[in-house]
């Protein structure tokens, strides 16, 4: 896996977040009200951007495999 300072993709970022939170009983809750963000397709000035609109709650929960 890439060094933490070399994260270049959304999947790499998600993996790092999961690795950091797993086993800690963590829950992250975000509440959005008419929130808009332009998500880049890649790192760099020539990246395309997807326009996301959010209104509501996003919860991220993690839990280790108990087996």
N, C-alpha and C. Protein backbone atom coordinates (compact mmCIF):
# COMPACT_ATOMS: atom_id res chain seq x y z
N UNK A 1 0.85 -1.18 0.00
CA UNK A 1 0.00 0.00 0.00
C UNK A 1 0.89 1.24 0.00
N UNK A 2 0.40 2.32 -0.59
CA UNK A 2 1.19 3.54 -0.70
C UNK A 2 1.42 4.17 0.67
N UNK A 3 2.48 4.93 0.76
CA UNK A 3 2.78 5.68 1.98
C UNK A 3 1.64 6.65 2.26
N UNK A 4 1.41 6.97 3.54
CA UNK A 4 0.27 7.82 3.90
C UNK A 4 0.32 9.19 3.23
N UNK A 5 1.51 9.66 2.91
CA UNK A 5 1.63 10.95 2.25
C UNK A 5 1.48 10.84 0.74
N UNK A 6 1.23 9.62 0.24
CA UNK A 6 1.15 9.38 -1.19
C UNK A 6 -0.23 8.85 -1.59
N UNK A 7 -1.27 9.16 -0.82
CA UNK A 7 -2.62 8.73 -1.16
C UNK A 7 -3.10 9.53 -2.36
N UNK A 8 -3.49 8.80 -3.42
CA UNK A 8 -3.84 9.47 -4.67
C UNK A 8 -5.25 9.16 -5.16
N UNK A 9 -5.94 8.19 -4.57
CA UNK A 9 -7.26 7.83 -5.07
C UNK A 9 -8.27 7.76 -3.93
N UNK A 10 -9.56 7.85 -4.28
CA UNK A 10 -10.62 7.73 -3.28
C UNK A 10 -10.58 6.39 -2.58
N UNK A 11 -10.37 5.26 -3.30
CA UNK A 11 -10.29 3.98 -2.60
C UNK A 11 -9.14 3.92 -1.59
N UNK A 12 -7.98 4.48 -1.94
CA UNK A 12 -6.86 4.52 -0.98
C UNK A 12 -7.24 5.31 0.26
N UNK A 13 -7.93 6.43 0.08
CA UNK A 13 -8.35 7.24 1.20
C UNK A 13 -9.34 6.47 2.08
N UNK A 14 -10.29 5.78 1.45
CA UNK A 14 -11.27 5.00 2.21
C UNK A 14 -10.59 3.88 3.00
N UNK A 15 -9.63 3.21 2.40
CA UNK A 15 -8.90 2.14 3.08
C UNK A 15 -8.16 2.71 4.29
N UNK A 16 -7.52 3.84 4.13
CA UNK A 16 -6.78 4.46 5.24
C UNK A 16 -7.73 4.86 6.36
N UNK A 17 -8.88 5.41 6.02
CA UNK A 17 -9.86 5.79 7.04
C UNK A 17 -10.34 4.55 7.78
N UNK A 18 -10.68 3.49 7.05
CA UNK A 18 -11.14 2.25 7.68
C UNK A 18 -10.06 1.67 8.59
N UNK A 19 -8.83 1.62 8.09
CA UNK A 19 -7.72 1.08 8.89
C UNK A 19 -7.54 1.87 10.18
N UNK A 20 -7.72 3.16 10.12
CA UNK A 20 -7.53 4.02 11.29
C UNK A 20 -8.65 3.82 12.32
N UNK A 21 -9.87 3.57 11.86
CA UNK A 21 -11.02 3.51 12.77
C UNK A 21 -11.38 2.11 13.24
N UNK A 22 -11.03 1.09 12.47
CA UNK A 22 -11.43 -0.27 12.81
C UNK A 22 -10.92 -0.66 14.18
N UNK A 23 -11.80 -1.28 14.94
CA UNK A 23 -11.41 -1.77 16.25
C UNK A 23 -11.49 -0.72 17.34
N UNK A 24 -11.90 0.46 17.02
CA UNK A 24 -11.97 1.52 18.02
C UNK A 24 -13.41 1.87 18.38
N UNK A 25 -14.36 1.11 17.82
CA UNK A 25 -15.76 1.40 18.10
C UNK A 25 -16.16 2.78 17.60
N UNK A 26 -15.54 3.22 16.55
CA UNK A 26 -15.74 4.58 16.06
C UNK A 26 -17.04 4.72 15.27
N UNK A 27 -17.63 5.85 15.36
CA UNK A 27 -18.76 6.23 14.53
C UNK A 27 -18.57 7.69 14.17
N UNK A 28 -18.68 7.99 12.89
CA UNK A 28 -18.59 9.36 12.41
C UNK A 28 -19.94 9.71 11.82
N UNK A 29 -20.51 10.81 12.24
CA UNK A 29 -21.79 11.25 11.72
C UNK A 29 -21.63 12.64 11.12
N UNK A 30 -22.06 12.78 9.87
CA UNK A 30 -22.04 14.07 9.20
C UNK A 30 -23.48 14.45 8.90
N UNK A 31 -23.88 15.66 9.21
CA UNK A 31 -25.20 16.18 8.86
C UNK A 31 -25.01 17.26 7.80
N UNK A 32 -25.71 17.10 6.67
CA UNK A 32 -25.59 18.04 5.57
C UNK A 32 -26.91 18.76 5.34
N UNK A 33 -26.83 20.04 5.08
CA UNK A 33 -28.00 20.82 4.72
C UNK A 33 -27.65 21.62 3.48
N UNK A 34 -28.19 21.18 2.34
CA UNK A 34 -27.92 21.84 1.06
C UNK A 34 -26.42 22.01 0.82
N UNK A 35 -25.68 20.96 1.03
CA UNK A 35 -24.22 20.96 0.89
C UNK A 35 -23.86 20.56 -0.54
N UNK A 36 -22.97 21.29 -1.17
CA UNK A 36 -22.52 20.97 -2.52
C UNK A 36 -21.00 20.91 -2.53
N UNK A 37 -20.48 19.93 -3.25
CA UNK A 37 -19.04 19.77 -3.35
C UNK A 37 -18.70 19.29 -4.76
N UNK A 38 -17.57 19.73 -5.26
CA UNK A 38 -17.07 19.28 -6.56
C UNK A 38 -15.92 18.31 -6.28
N UNK A 39 -16.14 17.03 -6.59
CA UNK A 39 -15.19 15.97 -6.27
C UNK A 39 -14.27 15.75 -7.47
N UNK A 40 -12.96 15.90 -7.27
CA UNK A 40 -12.02 15.71 -8.38
C UNK A 40 -11.86 14.24 -8.75
N UNK A 41 -11.65 14.00 -10.03
CA UNK A 41 -11.45 12.64 -10.53
C UNK A 41 -10.03 12.13 -10.28
N UNK A 42 -9.11 13.06 -10.04
CA UNK A 42 -7.71 12.71 -9.81
C UNK A 42 -7.00 13.91 -9.23
N UNK A 43 -5.75 13.72 -8.86
CA UNK A 43 -4.93 14.80 -8.35
C UNK A 43 -4.37 15.57 -9.55
N UNK A 44 -4.40 16.89 -9.47
CA UNK A 44 -3.80 17.70 -10.53
C UNK A 44 -4.75 18.77 -11.04
N UNK A 45 -4.17 19.75 -11.71
CA UNK A 45 -4.95 20.87 -12.23
C UNK A 45 -5.89 20.48 -13.36
N UNK A 46 -5.61 19.37 -14.05
CA UNK A 46 -6.43 18.98 -15.19
C UNK A 46 -7.53 17.98 -14.82
N UNK A 47 -7.83 17.83 -13.53
CA UNK A 47 -8.85 16.87 -13.09
C UNK A 47 -10.25 17.34 -13.47
N UNK A 48 -11.10 16.37 -13.87
CA UNK A 48 -12.52 16.64 -14.03
C UNK A 48 -13.16 16.60 -12.65
N UNK A 49 -14.32 17.23 -12.51
CA UNK A 49 -14.99 17.29 -11.21
C UNK A 49 -16.44 16.84 -11.32
N UNK A 50 -16.85 15.99 -10.40
CA UNK A 50 -18.25 15.58 -10.29
C UNK A 50 -18.92 16.50 -9.27
N UNK A 51 -20.12 16.95 -9.59
CA UNK A 51 -20.87 17.85 -8.70
C UNK A 51 -21.81 17.01 -7.84
N UNK A 52 -21.56 16.97 -6.53
CA UNK A 52 -22.39 16.22 -5.59
C UNK A 52 -23.20 17.19 -4.76
N UNK A 53 -24.48 16.88 -4.58
CA UNK A 53 -25.36 17.65 -3.69
C UNK A 53 -25.82 16.72 -2.59
N UNK A 54 -25.74 17.17 -1.34
CA UNK A 54 -26.12 16.33 -0.21
C UNK A 54 -27.05 17.10 0.72
N UNK A 55 -28.05 16.40 1.22
CA UNK A 55 -28.97 16.96 2.19
C UNK A 55 -29.45 15.81 3.06
N UNK A 56 -29.00 15.74 4.28
CA UNK A 56 -29.37 14.64 5.16
C UNK A 56 -28.20 14.23 6.03
N UNK A 57 -28.20 12.97 6.44
CA UNK A 57 -27.19 12.46 7.36
C UNK A 57 -26.44 11.30 6.73
N UNK A 58 -25.14 11.31 6.86
CA UNK A 58 -24.28 10.22 6.44
C UNK A 58 -23.60 9.69 7.68
N UNK A 59 -23.74 8.38 7.96
CA UNK A 59 -23.08 7.77 9.11
C UNK A 59 -22.09 6.73 8.61
N UNK A 60 -20.91 6.75 9.19
CA UNK A 60 -19.89 5.75 8.89
C UNK A 60 -19.59 5.04 10.20
N UNK A 61 -19.80 3.73 10.23
CA UNK A 61 -19.52 2.95 11.43
C UNK A 61 -18.50 1.88 11.08
N UNK A 62 -17.65 1.54 12.02
CA UNK A 62 -16.68 0.47 11.81
C UNK A 62 -16.74 -0.50 12.98
N UNK A 63 -16.42 -1.76 12.66
CA UNK A 63 -16.40 -2.79 13.68
C UNK A 63 -15.50 -3.93 13.21
N UNK A 64 -14.64 -4.42 14.08
CA UNK A 64 -13.79 -5.56 13.73
C UNK A 64 -14.62 -6.82 13.59
N UNK A 65 -14.11 -7.76 12.81
CA UNK A 65 -14.71 -9.07 12.69
C UNK A 65 -14.57 -9.78 14.04
N UNK A 66 -15.68 -10.22 14.61
CA UNK A 66 -15.64 -10.81 15.96
C UNK A 66 -15.34 -12.29 15.95
N UNK A 67 -15.16 -12.88 14.80
CA UNK A 67 -14.87 -14.32 14.76
C UNK A 67 -13.40 -14.61 14.95
